[in-house]
């Protein structure tokens, strides 16, 4: 198969004339290679570079380790004769597929070529993608798709739709078996959007990527609504509003770098462990450092005063590095990958800086999907809790917060990977149960002395428990304040939970990094069996 340079040259040896039939066939091969990899690739590069983009092959070579790309089916061509298509049969049929390596680990890849029939998917195009996806399953390695396509190839009719279905089926079979990553580097419209939606992670490039079922023209014709490509399905829309994307890349290089980083936290398949790295010196020490001690003053004295949960996360993870997932969507909860003592962990944390850290529909679904992804690929889950409850309001209730919030319960209860939970401040009502509680089978649950574990906050509890007493008081404001103080001291503490074993230990905030590291080391050999079943019925 060879590198791109070798293919363009035909061979890395000097071309020498050979006698007879062999010489004719070799000459024929050289001519085909020149057409497929020389002239066609030069035209593709020129068109893409003029648009400020890389060609399909250049994108793969930028993603993969140098010299590792081995192309498959480069000489495949479409078979249709409709609409004079027989006169235009380019090699590769608009998608580049093959294998390669990222950080020395095998991956399967495909990259759609918008310069060939607008990257539209036809029978052969689809067959190439299906073949490389099947190969990924057999090899047990990640599959990465670069999408840049106008959709189904109209000239091939229902055959195009059939191949989309074949791709969707394989996305589903591969789900939870090998990591699947979609990179959107151009249009992705109509049926094409469902393959990225079925993969584990979707990356979009700002001002370059677009995803939608129906485009602006169709929407205008059907509904009369005026909307542009960016607002309808641009990268920012899917990163901030819909949650369909997991990372907003500044440019193509940023997108490819992010995917390489992402895969460093994930195993090649569900039967493997994530890559482990030698921890840095700081991560290997149990002694507390100045950064640890700063956590003792992280939580403000006033309950309604926020703090940035990233300050805690960065002090617990190796090198303070968090690869955040869906950072711009539902920012009231933080999800991302990091390492503790060199091993991958998935972090889920309420963010008091956004909506006081409450759980709403978007945050619940974001965290549930992330926890299930971690569980599928053997990544331990580390949860930081500061949650006053579920976001109240008719909009949330009527949009299904009960059903959709239950997804987070299901995700934590279903997960069998190591689960460590740290309660830093509020853990009220049902939200306490939802966020990796002992009752959903978290393995190690820790609490800070500032933890407030209760049915509800002091103000709400006092209003219910002492309504008549407060109404009859000479100074209701003073009495309410006193009753609230007593409630916080007697009930909204970590001590009752510790007495019951609902938290395993109450620790100083400065001890968090050390205790989390010890807990995850203890749980490295965890094994948990569940009742046999075909699959559960998550509340979708």
Protein backbone atom coordinates (compact mmCIF):
# COMPACT_ATOMS: atom_id res chain seq x y z
CA UNK A 1 0.00 0.00 0.00
CA UNK A 2 2.84 2.40 0.83
CA UNK A 3 3.01 6.04 1.75
CA UNK A 4 1.45 8.79 -0.35
CA UNK A 5 4.83 9.73 -1.84
CA UNK A 6 5.52 6.10 -2.77
CA UNK A 7 2.13 5.72 -4.39
CA UNK A 8 2.60 8.89 -6.42
CA UNK A 9 5.97 7.65 -7.62
CA UNK A 10 4.54 4.23 -8.36
CA UNK A 11 7.45 2.57 -6.54
CA UNK A 12 10.36 3.56 -4.36
CA UNK A 13 12.68 1.80 -6.81
CA UNK A 14 13.89 3.16 -10.11
CA UNK A 15 11.44 2.27 -12.87
CA UNK A 16 13.13 -0.14 -15.29
CA UNK A 17 11.55 -1.62 -18.42
CA UNK A 18 10.70 -5.30 -18.07
CA UNK A 19 10.00 -7.73 -20.91
CA UNK A 20 6.64 -8.82 -22.20
CA UNK A 21 3.33 -8.93 -20.44
CA UNK A 22 4.71 -8.08 -17.00
CA UNK A 23 6.10 -4.81 -18.32
CA UNK A 24 2.72 -3.91 -19.79
CA UNK A 25 0.93 -4.62 -16.56
CA UNK A 26 3.44 -2.65 -14.50
CA UNK A 27 3.11 0.24 -16.88
CA UNK A 28 -0.64 0.02 -16.52
CA UNK A 29 -0.30 0.07 -12.72
CA UNK A 30 1.95 3.11 -12.92
CA UNK A 31 -0.59 4.92 -15.09
CA UNK A 32 -3.44 4.10 -12.71
CA UNK A 33 -1.40 5.25 -9.74
CA UNK A 34 -0.54 8.47 -11.51
CA UNK A 35 -4.24 9.07 -12.17
CA UNK A 36 -5.38 8.12 -8.69
CA UNK A 37 -2.65 9.63 -6.55
CA UNK A 38 -0.92 12.13 -8.79
CA UNK A 39 -3.27 14.12 -10.97
CA UNK A 40 -6.42 13.60 -8.86
CA UNK A 41 -4.70 14.35 -5.57
CA UNK A 42 -3.04 17.46 -6.98
CA UNK A 43 -6.44 18.77 -8.13
CA UNK A 44 -8.01 17.95 -4.77
CA UNK A 45 -5.24 19.69 -2.86
CA UNK A 46 -5.50 22.77 -5.06
CA UNK A 47 -9.26 23.09 -4.56
CA UNK A 48 -9.11 22.49 -0.82
CA UNK A 49 -6.14 24.76 -0.24
CA UNK A 50 -7.93 27.58 -2.07
CA UNK A 51 -10.75 27.15 0.46
CA UNK A 52 -8.28 27.14 3.36
CA UNK A 53 -8.68 23.41 3.96
CA UNK A 54 -6.63 20.23 3.71
CA UNK A 55 -7.41 17.46 1.26
CA UNK A 56 -8.92 14.19 2.47
CA UNK A 57 -5.55 12.41 2.43
CA UNK A 58 -3.70 15.34 3.98
CA UNK A 59 -6.16 15.31 6.87
CA UNK A 60 -5.46 11.65 7.56
CA UNK A 61 -1.72 12.12 7.34
CA UNK A 62 -1.95 15.05 9.80
CA UNK A 63 -4.01 12.93 12.20
CA UNK A 64 -1.91 9.78 12.11
CA UNK A 65 1.65 9.02 13.13
CA UNK A 66 4.06 9.95 10.36
CA UNK A 67 4.27 7.29 7.69
CA UNK A 68 1.72 4.99 9.33
CA UNK A 69 -1.21 5.43 6.93
CA UNK A 70 -1.95 2.41 4.75
CA UNK A 71 -4.77 3.03 2.28
CA UNK A 72 -7.45 0.50 1.40
CA UNK A 73 -9.55 0.32 -1.77
CA UNK A 74 -7.82 3.29 -3.38
CA UNK A 75 -8.71 1.98 -6.84
CA UNK A 76 -12.41 1.37 -6.14
CA UNK A 77 -14.82 3.14 -8.54
CA UNK A 78 -18.58 3.54 -8.69
CA UNK A 79 -20.69 1.31 -10.91
CA UNK A 80 -23.68 3.49 -11.74
CA UNK A 81 -24.57 4.50 -15.29
CA UNK A 82 -27.43 6.87 -14.48
CA UNK A 83 -27.20 10.54 -15.54
CA UNK A 84 -24.05 9.97 -17.60
CA UNK A 85 -22.14 8.86 -14.51
CA UNK A 86 -20.38 6.14 -16.52
CA UNK A 87 -18.24 8.82 -18.11
CA UNK A 88 -16.90 10.02 -14.77
CA UNK A 89 -15.52 7.25 -12.56
CA UNK A 90 -12.77 8.67 -10.34
CA UNK A 91 -10.61 6.30 -8.34
CA UNK A 92 -11.48 6.10 -4.66
CA UNK A 93 -15.07 7.27 -5.30
CA UNK A 94 -14.83 10.24 -2.96
CA UNK A 95 -13.67 8.68 0.31
CA UNK A 96 -10.19 7.70 1.50
CA UNK A 97 -10.11 4.71 3.86
CA UNK A 98 -7.41 2.74 5.59
CA UNK A 99 -5.45 2.04 8.73
CA UNK A 100 -2.79 3.87 10.66
CA UNK A 101 -1.51 4.57 14.13
CA UNK A 102 -1.89 7.29 16.77
CA UNK A 103 0.85 7.30 19.39
CA UNK A 104 1.81 3.87 18.08
CA UNK A 105 -1.66 2.37 18.60
CA UNK A 106 -3.62 1.04 15.59
CA UNK A 107 -6.70 2.90 14.34
CA UNK A 108 -9.03 2.56 11.37
CA UNK A 109 -9.93 5.74 9.50
CA UNK A 110 -11.92 7.21 6.67
CA UNK A 111 -11.90 10.71 5.21
CA UNK A 112 -14.57 11.99 2.84
CA UNK A 113 -13.39 13.96 -0.17
CA UNK A 114 -15.67 16.90 -0.98
CA UNK A 115 -13.87 17.48 -4.29
CA UNK A 116 -15.34 14.24 -5.71
CA UNK A 117 -19.10 14.50 -6.31
CA UNK A 118 -19.34 16.85 -3.32
CA UNK A 119 -18.33 13.98 -1.04
CA UNK A 120 -21.72 12.40 -1.68
CA UNK A 121 -22.25 8.83 -0.51
CA UNK A 122 -22.97 6.18 -3.11
CA UNK A 123 -22.77 2.41 -3.11
CA UNK A 124 -19.00 2.01 -3.44
CA UNK A 125 -18.33 5.00 -1.17
CA UNK A 126 -20.49 3.37 1.50
CA UNK A 127 -18.99 -0.07 0.97
CA UNK A 128 -15.52 1.33 1.62
CA UNK A 129 -16.62 2.84 4.94
CA UNK A 130 -18.45 -0.33 5.94
CA UNK A 131 -15.35 -2.40 5.16
CA UNK A 132 -13.05 -0.31 7.33
CA UNK A 133 -15.59 -0.27 10.18
CA UNK A 134 -15.82 -4.07 10.05
CA UNK A 135 -12.02 -4.19 10.11
CA UNK A 136 -11.94 -1.97 13.22
CA UNK A 137 -14.22 -4.41 15.04
CA UNK A 138 -12.09 -7.39 14.05
CA UNK A 139 -8.89 -5.64 15.11
CA UNK A 140 -10.40 -4.15 18.26
CA UNK A 141 -9.21 -0.63 17.49
CA UNK A 142 -10.83 2.84 17.35
CA UNK A 143 -12.49 4.05 14.16
CA UNK A 144 -12.22 7.73 13.24
CA UNK A 145 -14.28 9.28 10.48
CA UNK A 146 -13.66 12.68 8.89
CA UNK A 147 -16.95 13.91 7.45
CA UNK A 148 -17.10 16.39 4.56
CA UNK A 149 -20.09 15.40 2.46
CA UNK A 150 -23.14 16.88 0.81
CA UNK A 151 -25.18 13.79 1.70
CA UNK A 152 -26.60 10.92 -0.34
CA UNK A 153 -25.62 10.60 -3.99
CA UNK A 154 -28.89 11.33 -5.75
CA UNK A 155 -27.83 9.58 -8.96
CA UNK A 156 -27.63 6.26 -7.11
CA UNK A 157 -31.06 6.49 -5.51
CA UNK A 158 -32.08 4.02 -2.81
CA UNK A 159 -28.71 2.28 -2.94
CA UNK A 160 -27.21 5.32 -1.21
CA UNK A 161 -29.85 5.13 1.50
CA UNK A 162 -29.17 1.44 1.93
CA UNK A 163 -25.48 2.05 2.54
CA UNK A 164 -26.27 4.74 5.10
CA UNK A 165 -28.31 2.10 6.92
CA UNK A 166 -25.40 -0.33 6.78
CA UNK A 167 -23.12 2.30 8.32
CA UNK A 168 -25.66 3.10 11.07
CA UNK A 169 -25.94 -0.61 11.87
CA UNK A 170 -22.20 -0.90 12.29
CA UNK A 171 -22.09 2.25 14.44
CA UNK A 172 -24.58 0.54 16.71
CA UNK A 173 -22.78 -2.82 16.81
CA UNK A 174 -19.47 -1.09 17.53
CA UNK A 175 -20.97 1.10 20.27
CA UNK A 176 -19.26 0.34 23.56
CA UNK A 177 -16.89 -2.08 21.84
CA UNK A 178 -14.38 0.24 20.15
CA UNK A 179 -14.17 4.04 20.49
CA UNK A 180 -15.82 5.85 17.58
CA UNK A 181 -14.93 9.46 16.79
CA UNK A 182 -16.46 11.74 14.16
CA UNK A 183 -14.70 14.87 12.93
CA UNK A 184 -16.88 17.25 10.93
CA UNK A 185 -14.79 19.30 8.49
CA UNK A 186 -17.44 20.62 6.14
CA UNK A 187 -21.10 19.88 5.48
CA UNK A 188 -22.84 16.89 7.03
CA UNK A 189 -26.48 16.95 6.02
CA UNK A 190 -29.57 14.80 5.86
CA UNK A 191 -29.08 11.12 6.67
CA UNK A 192 -25.34 11.66 6.99
CA UNK A 193 -25.77 13.29 10.40
CA UNK A 194 -26.91 10.10 12.09
CA UNK A 195 -23.59 8.32 11.92
CA UNK A 196 -21.82 11.08 13.93
CA UNK A 197 -24.79 11.09 16.31
CA UNK A 198 -24.24 7.38 16.96
CA UNK A 199 -20.51 7.71 17.61
CA UNK A 200 -18.95 8.40 21.00
CA UNK A 201 -17.48 11.82 20.24
CA UNK A 202 -18.11 14.47 17.61
CA UNK A 203 -15.66 17.29 16.89
CA UNK A 204 -16.62 20.34 14.82
CA UNK A 205 -14.49 23.12 13.35
CA UNK A 206 -15.58 26.71 13.94
CA UNK A 207 -16.97 28.45 10.83
CA UNK A 208 -16.27 25.34 8.72
CA UNK A 209 -18.52 22.54 9.98
CA UNK A 210 -22.28 22.26 9.52
CA UNK A 211 -24.74 19.55 10.55
CA UNK A 212 -28.49 19.56 9.99
CA UNK A 213 -31.28 17.27 8.86
CA UNK A 214 -32.86 19.86 6.56
CA UNK A 215 -30.99 22.92 5.31
CA UNK A 216 -31.99 26.58 5.36
CA UNK A 217 -33.60 26.44 1.91
CA UNK A 218 -35.92 23.59 2.85
CA UNK A 219 -36.81 25.20 6.17
CA UNK A 220 -37.60 28.45 4.38
CA UNK A 221 -39.81 26.68 1.85
CA UNK A 222 -41.71 24.63 4.43
CA UNK A 223 -41.99 26.97 7.42
CA UNK A 224 -41.11 30.39 6.02
CA UNK A 225 -38.38 30.72 8.66
CA UNK A 226 -35.24 32.58 7.63
CA UNK A 227 -32.07 31.12 9.08
CA UNK A 228 -28.44 30.82 7.99
CA UNK A 229 -26.12 27.82 7.91
CA UNK A 230 -24.12 28.87 10.98
CA UNK A 231 -27.10 29.59 13.19
CA UNK A 232 -28.94 26.47 12.09
CA UNK A 233 -26.19 23.89 12.29
CA UNK A 234 -22.81 25.51 12.73
CA UNK A 235 -20.14 24.33 15.12
CA UNK A 236 -21.05 26.86 17.78
CA UNK A 237 -24.73 25.95 17.64
CA UNK A 238 -24.00 22.27 18.20
CA UNK A 239 -21.46 22.98 20.94
CA UNK A 240 -23.58 25.45 22.91
CA UNK A 241 -27.25 24.74 22.19
CA UNK A 242 -27.90 21.22 20.95
CA UNK A 243 -25.13 19.27 22.66
CA UNK A 244 -24.57 17.28 19.47
CA UNK A 245 -20.86 18.14 19.45
CA UNK A 246 -18.23 17.49 22.10
CA UNK A 247 -15.51 19.95 21.11
CA UNK A 248 -15.36 23.26 19.22
CA UNK A 249 -12.08 23.33 17.31
CA UNK A 250 -10.52 26.61 16.22
CA UNK A 251 -9.29 25.05 12.97
CA UNK A 252 -8.60 21.68 11.38
CA UNK A 253 -5.24 21.26 13.11
CA UNK A 254 -6.85 21.91 16.50
CA UNK A 255 -9.54 19.31 15.79
CA UNK A 256 -7.00 16.65 14.87
CA UNK A 257 -4.78 17.43 17.88
CA UNK A 258 -7.79 17.18 20.22
CA UNK A 259 -8.72 13.76 18.86
CA UNK A 260 -5.18 12.52 19.38
CA UNK A 261 -5.32 13.74 22.99
CA UNK A 262 -8.76 12.18 23.50
CA UNK A 263 -7.59 8.73 22.41
CA UNK A 264 -4.72 8.86 24.90
CA UNK A 265 -7.32 8.52 27.69
CA UNK A 266 -9.22 5.63 26.11
CA UNK A 267 -8.41 1.96 25.54
CA UNK A 268 -8.39 0.51 22.05
CA UNK A 269 -11.48 -1.54 22.90
CA UNK A 270 -13.77 -2.57 25.73
CA UNK A 271 -11.62 -5.57 26.67
CA UNK A 272 -8.53 -3.43 27.27
CA UNK A 273 -7.51 -0.92 29.90
CA UNK A 274 -6.74 2.70 29.05
CA UNK A 275 -3.08 3.57 28.50
CA UNK A 276 -1.22 4.14 31.76
CA UNK A 277 1.60 6.62 32.14
CA UNK A 278 4.28 6.96 34.75
CA UNK A 279 2.98 9.61 37.17
CA UNK A 280 4.92 12.78 37.70
CA UNK A 281 6.83 13.29 40.91
CA UNK A 282 4.07 15.33 42.55
CA UNK A 283 1.46 12.69 41.76
CA UNK A 284 3.60 9.98 43.33
CA UNK A 285 3.90 11.68 46.73
CA UNK A 286 1.46 11.30 49.59
CA UNK A 287 2.79 14.41 51.32
CA UNK A 288 0.51 17.44 51.12
CA UNK A 289 1.80 20.43 49.21
CA UNK A 290 0.87 24.09 49.14
CA UNK A 291 -1.54 23.55 46.28
CA UNK A 292 -3.36 20.92 48.36
CA UNK A 293 -3.59 23.23 51.36
CA UNK A 294 -5.23 25.93 49.27
CA UNK A 295 -8.29 23.68 49.06
CA UNK A 296 -8.93 24.18 52.80
CA UNK A 297 -10.21 27.68 51.96
CA UNK A 298 -11.86 26.92 48.62
CA UNK A 299 -15.48 26.69 49.83
CA UNK A 300 -16.79 30.13 50.88
CA UNK A 301 -18.45 30.60 54.27
CA UNK A 302 -21.61 31.93 52.63
CA UNK A 303 -23.68 29.11 51.15
CA UNK A 304 -24.85 31.24 48.25
CA UNK A 305 -21.35 32.31 47.22
CA UNK A 306 -19.98 30.36 44.24
CA UNK A 307 -16.50 29.02 43.58
CA UNK A 308 -14.95 27.50 40.48
CA UNK A 309 -14.92 23.70 40.65
CA UNK A 310 -11.98 23.70 38.21
CA UNK A 311 -9.85 24.90 41.14
CA UNK A 312 -10.49 21.58 42.85
CA UNK A 313 -10.24 19.41 39.74
CA UNK A 314 -6.89 20.86 38.70
CA UNK A 315 -5.40 20.11 42.13
CA UNK A 316 -6.44 16.47 42.08
CA UNK A 317 -5.51 15.51 38.52
CA UNK A 318 -1.95 14.84 37.38
CA UNK A 319 -0.36 18.04 36.06
CA UNK A 320 -3.73 19.72 36.62
CA UNK A 321 -4.80 18.63 33.11
CA UNK A 322 -8.47 18.07 32.25
CA UNK A 323 -9.60 17.30 28.70
CA UNK A 324 -13.09 18.73 29.04
CA UNK A 325 -15.95 17.21 27.07
CA UNK A 326 -18.83 19.46 25.91
CA UNK A 327 -17.32 22.39 27.78
CA UNK A 328 -19.70 24.90 26.15
CA UNK A 329 -22.88 22.85 26.69
CA UNK A 330 -24.65 22.65 30.07
CA UNK A 331 -21.75 24.37 31.85
CA UNK A 332 -23.46 23.81 35.22
CA UNK A 333 -21.82 20.39 35.12
CA UNK A 334 -18.21 19.68 34.15
CA UNK A 335 -17.23 16.43 32.43
CA UNK A 336 -13.83 15.45 31.15
CA UNK A 337 -10.87 13.10 31.18
CA UNK A 338 -7.78 13.38 33.31
CA UNK A 339 -5.28 11.16 35.09
CA UNK A 340 -4.66 10.26 38.70
CA UNK A 341 -1.28 8.63 39.36
CA UNK A 342 -0.92 8.10 35.62
CA UNK A 343 -4.25 6.29 35.09
CA UNK A 344 -7.26 7.62 33.21
CA UNK A 345 -10.28 8.90 35.12
CA UNK A 346 -13.51 10.48 33.98
CA UNK A 347 -14.43 13.53 36.04
CA UNK A 348 -18.03 14.62 36.69
CA UNK A 349 -18.48 17.74 38.80
CA UNK A 350 -21.21 20.24 39.60
CA UNK A 351 -20.13 23.78 38.77
CA UNK A 352 -21.35 26.32 41.38
CA UNK A 353 -20.38 29.15 39.00
CA UNK A 354 -23.26 28.18 36.66
CA UNK A 355 -26.88 27.96 37.87
CA UNK A 356 -25.45 27.32 41.36
CA UNK A 357 -24.52 23.83 40.19
CA UNK A 358 -28.13 22.66 39.87
CA UNK A 359 -28.99 19.73 37.66
CA UNK A 360 -31.21 20.50 34.69
CA UNK A 361 -32.18 18.42 31.67
CA UNK A 362 -29.08 19.24 29.66
CA UNK A 363 -26.68 18.68 32.55
CA UNK A 364 -28.31 15.37 33.45
CA UNK A 365 -28.09 14.02 29.92
CA UNK A 366 -24.56 15.33 29.40
CA UNK A 367 -23.30 13.65 32.58
CA UNK A 368 -25.27 10.44 31.99
CA UNK A 369 -23.80 9.97 28.52
CA UNK A 370 -20.31 10.67 29.83
CA UNK A 371 -20.59 8.22 32.74
CA UNK A 372 -21.83 5.51 30.38
CA UNK A 373 -18.93 6.20 28.01
CA UNK A 374 -16.46 5.83 30.87
CA UNK A 375 -18.11 2.61 31.98
CA UNK A 376 -18.06 1.18 28.44
CA UNK A 377 -14.32 1.76 28.12
CA UNK A 378 -13.09 0.86 31.61
CA UNK A 379 -12.39 4.40 32.79
CA UNK A 380 -12.92 5.06 36.52
CA UNK A 381 -15.42 7.79 37.42
CA UNK A 382 -14.46 10.53 39.88
CA UNK A 383 -17.38 12.72 41.00
CA UNK A 384 -17.29 16.06 42.84
CA UNK A 385 -20.62 17.05 44.35
CA UNK A 386 -21.97 20.51 45.17
CA UNK A 387 -25.59 20.37 44.05
CA UNK A 388 -28.56 22.21 45.61
CA UNK A 389 -31.05 20.08 43.66
CA UNK A 390 -32.75 19.91 40.29
CA UNK A 391 -33.52 23.18 38.53
CA UNK A 392 -37.16 24.13 39.28
CA UNK A 393 -39.59 25.53 36.74
CA UNK A 394 -42.40 24.59 34.40
CA UNK A 395 -40.07 24.55 31.41
CA UNK A 396 -37.99 21.79 33.01
CA UNK A 397 -40.99 19.85 34.25
CA UNK A 398 -42.87 19.96 30.95
CA UNK A 399 -39.73 19.10 28.99
CA UNK A 400 -39.36 15.86 30.94
CA UNK A 401 -36.87 16.45 33.76
CA UNK A 402 -38.24 13.39 35.56
CA UNK A 403 -37.52 11.00 32.72
CA UNK A 404 -34.37 12.72 31.54
CA UNK A 405 -32.94 13.26 35.01
CA UNK A 406 -33.46 9.56 35.63
CA UNK A 407 -30.87 8.87 32.93
CA UNK A 408 -28.18 10.05 35.32
CA UNK A 409 -29.44 7.72 38.04
CA UNK A 410 -29.40 4.87 35.57
CA UNK A 411 -25.89 5.68 34.35
CA UNK A 412 -24.33 5.70 37.82
CA UNK A 413 -26.24 2.62 38.99
CA UNK A 414 -25.35 0.72 35.81
CA UNK A 415 -21.62 1.54 35.88
CA UNK A 416 -19.33 -1.17 37.21
CA UNK A 417 -16.04 0.71 36.87
CA UNK A 418 -14.41 2.12 40.02
CA UNK A 419 -16.48 5.05 41.31
CA UNK A 420 -15.15 7.59 43.81
CA UNK A 421 -17.29 10.49 45.01
CA UNK A 422 -16.30 13.59 46.98
CA UNK A 423 -19.00 15.87 48.47
CA UNK A 424 -17.62 19.37 48.91
CA UNK A 425 -20.69 21.37 49.96
CA UNK A 426 -24.37 20.96 49.07
CA UNK A 427 -25.89 17.56 48.41
CA UNK A 428 -29.61 18.17 48.70
CA UNK A 429 -32.64 16.01 48.03
CA UNK A 430 -32.77 13.62 45.11
CA UNK A 431 -29.74 15.29 43.60
CA UNK A 432 -27.67 13.82 46.46
CA UNK A 433 -28.72 10.32 45.39
CA UNK A 434 -28.15 11.01 41.70
CA UNK A 435 -24.58 12.29 41.93
CA UNK A 436 -22.66 9.07 42.54
CA UNK A 437 -24.02 8.31 45.98
CA UNK A 438 -23.24 5.18 47.97
CA UNK A 439 -26.81 4.06 47.31
CA UNK A 440 -26.07 3.87 43.56
CA UNK A 441 -23.06 1.72 44.46
CA UNK A 442 -20.23 4.19 44.42
CA UNK A 443 -17.23 2.40 45.91
CA UNK A 444 -15.59 5.13 47.99
CA UNK A 445 -17.54 8.18 49.16
CA UNK A 446 -15.73 11.04 50.86
CA UNK A 447 -17.04 14.30 52.29
CA UNK A 448 -15.48 17.56 53.33
CA UNK A 449 -16.46 19.04 56.72
CA UNK A 450 -18.28 21.73 54.73
CA UNK A 451 -20.61 19.11 53.20
CA UNK A 452 -24.34 19.73 53.68
CA UNK A 453 -26.14 16.45 53.11
CA UNK A 454 -29.85 16.91 53.69
CA UNK A 455 -33.31 16.69 52.16
CA UNK A 456 -33.22 20.40 51.37
CA UNK A 457 -31.48 23.64 52.26
CA UNK A 458 -31.96 25.33 55.61
CA UNK A 459 -34.29 28.10 54.40
CA UNK A 460 -36.69 25.70 52.71
CA UNK A 461 -36.64 23.24 55.58
CA UNK A 462 -37.30 25.92 58.20
CA UNK A 463 -40.17 27.35 56.15
CA UNK A 464 -41.86 23.95 56.20
CA UNK A 465 -41.00 22.77 59.69
CA UNK A 466 -41.52 26.04 61.56
CA UNK A 467 -43.99 27.96 59.43
CA UNK A 468 -46.49 28.64 62.22
CA UNK A 469 -43.82 29.40 64.82
CA UNK A 470 -42.18 31.95 62.55
CA UNK A 471 -45.50 33.57 61.65
CA UNK A 472 -46.33 34.08 65.35
CA UNK A 473 -42.91 35.39 66.36
CA UNK A 474 -42.32 38.99 67.42
CA UNK A 475 -39.17 39.04 65.28
CA UNK A 476 -39.70 36.47 62.51
CA UNK A 477 -36.49 37.41 60.69
CA UNK A 478 -34.33 36.77 63.74
CA UNK A 479 -36.15 33.55 64.57
CA UNK A 480 -35.81 32.27 61.01
CA UNK A 481 -32.09 32.99 61.08
CA UNK A 482 -31.67 31.15 64.39
CA UNK A 483 -33.70 28.14 63.25
CA UNK A 484 -31.74 27.97 60.00
CA UNK A 485 -28.47 28.03 61.91
CA UNK A 486 -29.62 25.20 64.16
CA UNK A 487 -30.83 23.16 61.17
CA UNK A 488 -27.46 23.51 59.46
CA UNK A 489 -25.60 22.50 62.61
CA UNK A 490 -27.85 19.54 63.44
CA UNK A 491 -28.98 18.12 60.08
CA UNK A 492 -27.14 19.72 57.14
CA UNK A 493 -23.77 18.16 58.00
CA UNK A 494 -21.69 15.19 56.88
CA UNK A 495 -21.81 13.60 60.34
CA UNK A 496 -25.15 11.81 60.04
CA UNK A 497 -24.18 10.38 56.67
CA UNK A 498 -20.85 9.25 58.14
CA UNK A 499 -22.62 7.57 61.08
CA UNK A 500 -24.75 5.61 58.64
CA UNK A 501 -21.83 4.69 56.39
CA UNK A 502 -23.21 6.69 53.48
CA UNK A 503 -19.83 8.41 53.32
CA UNK A 504 -16.76 6.36 54.13
CA UNK A 505 -14.75 9.21 55.58
CA UNK A 506 -14.85 12.92 56.28
CA UNK A 507 -11.57 14.44 55.18
CA UNK A 508 -9.87 17.79 55.14
CA UNK A 509 -10.11 19.38 51.68
CA UNK A 510 -6.31 19.44 51.52
CA UNK A 511 -6.28 15.64 51.79
CA UNK A 512 -8.44 15.14 48.68
CA UNK A 513 -5.72 14.42 46.14
CA UNK A 514 -4.08 11.89 48.42
CA UNK A 515 -7.32 10.13 49.39
CA UNK A 516 -8.60 9.99 45.82
CA UNK A 517 -5.31 8.52 44.69
CA UNK A 518 -5.43 5.89 47.43
CA UNK A 519 -9.05 5.01 46.67
CA UNK A 520 -8.41 4.55 42.95
CA UNK A 521 -5.32 2.45 43.65
CA UNK A 522 -7.41 0.24 45.95
CA UNK A 523 -10.10 -0.15 43.30
CA UNK A 524 -7.71 -1.04 40.46
CA UNK A 525 -8.67 -4.72 40.77
CA UNK A 526 -12.41 -4.15 41.23
CA UNK A 527 -14.64 -6.74 39.60
CA UNK A 528 -18.42 -6.65 39.76
CA UNK A 529 -20.96 -9.05 38.28
CA UNK A 530 -24.54 -8.10 37.42
CA UNK A 531 -27.58 -10.29 36.69
CA UNK A 532 -27.64 -11.71 33.18
CA UNK A 533 -29.92 -9.83 30.79
CA UNK A 534 -30.15 -8.84 27.17
CA UNK A 535 -29.91 -5.14 28.05
CA UNK A 536 -31.49 -2.67 30.44
CA UNK A 537 -34.21 -0.22 29.49
CA UNK A 538 -32.72 3.21 30.15
CA UNK A 539 -35.37 5.96 30.26
CA UNK A 540 -34.78 7.51 26.85
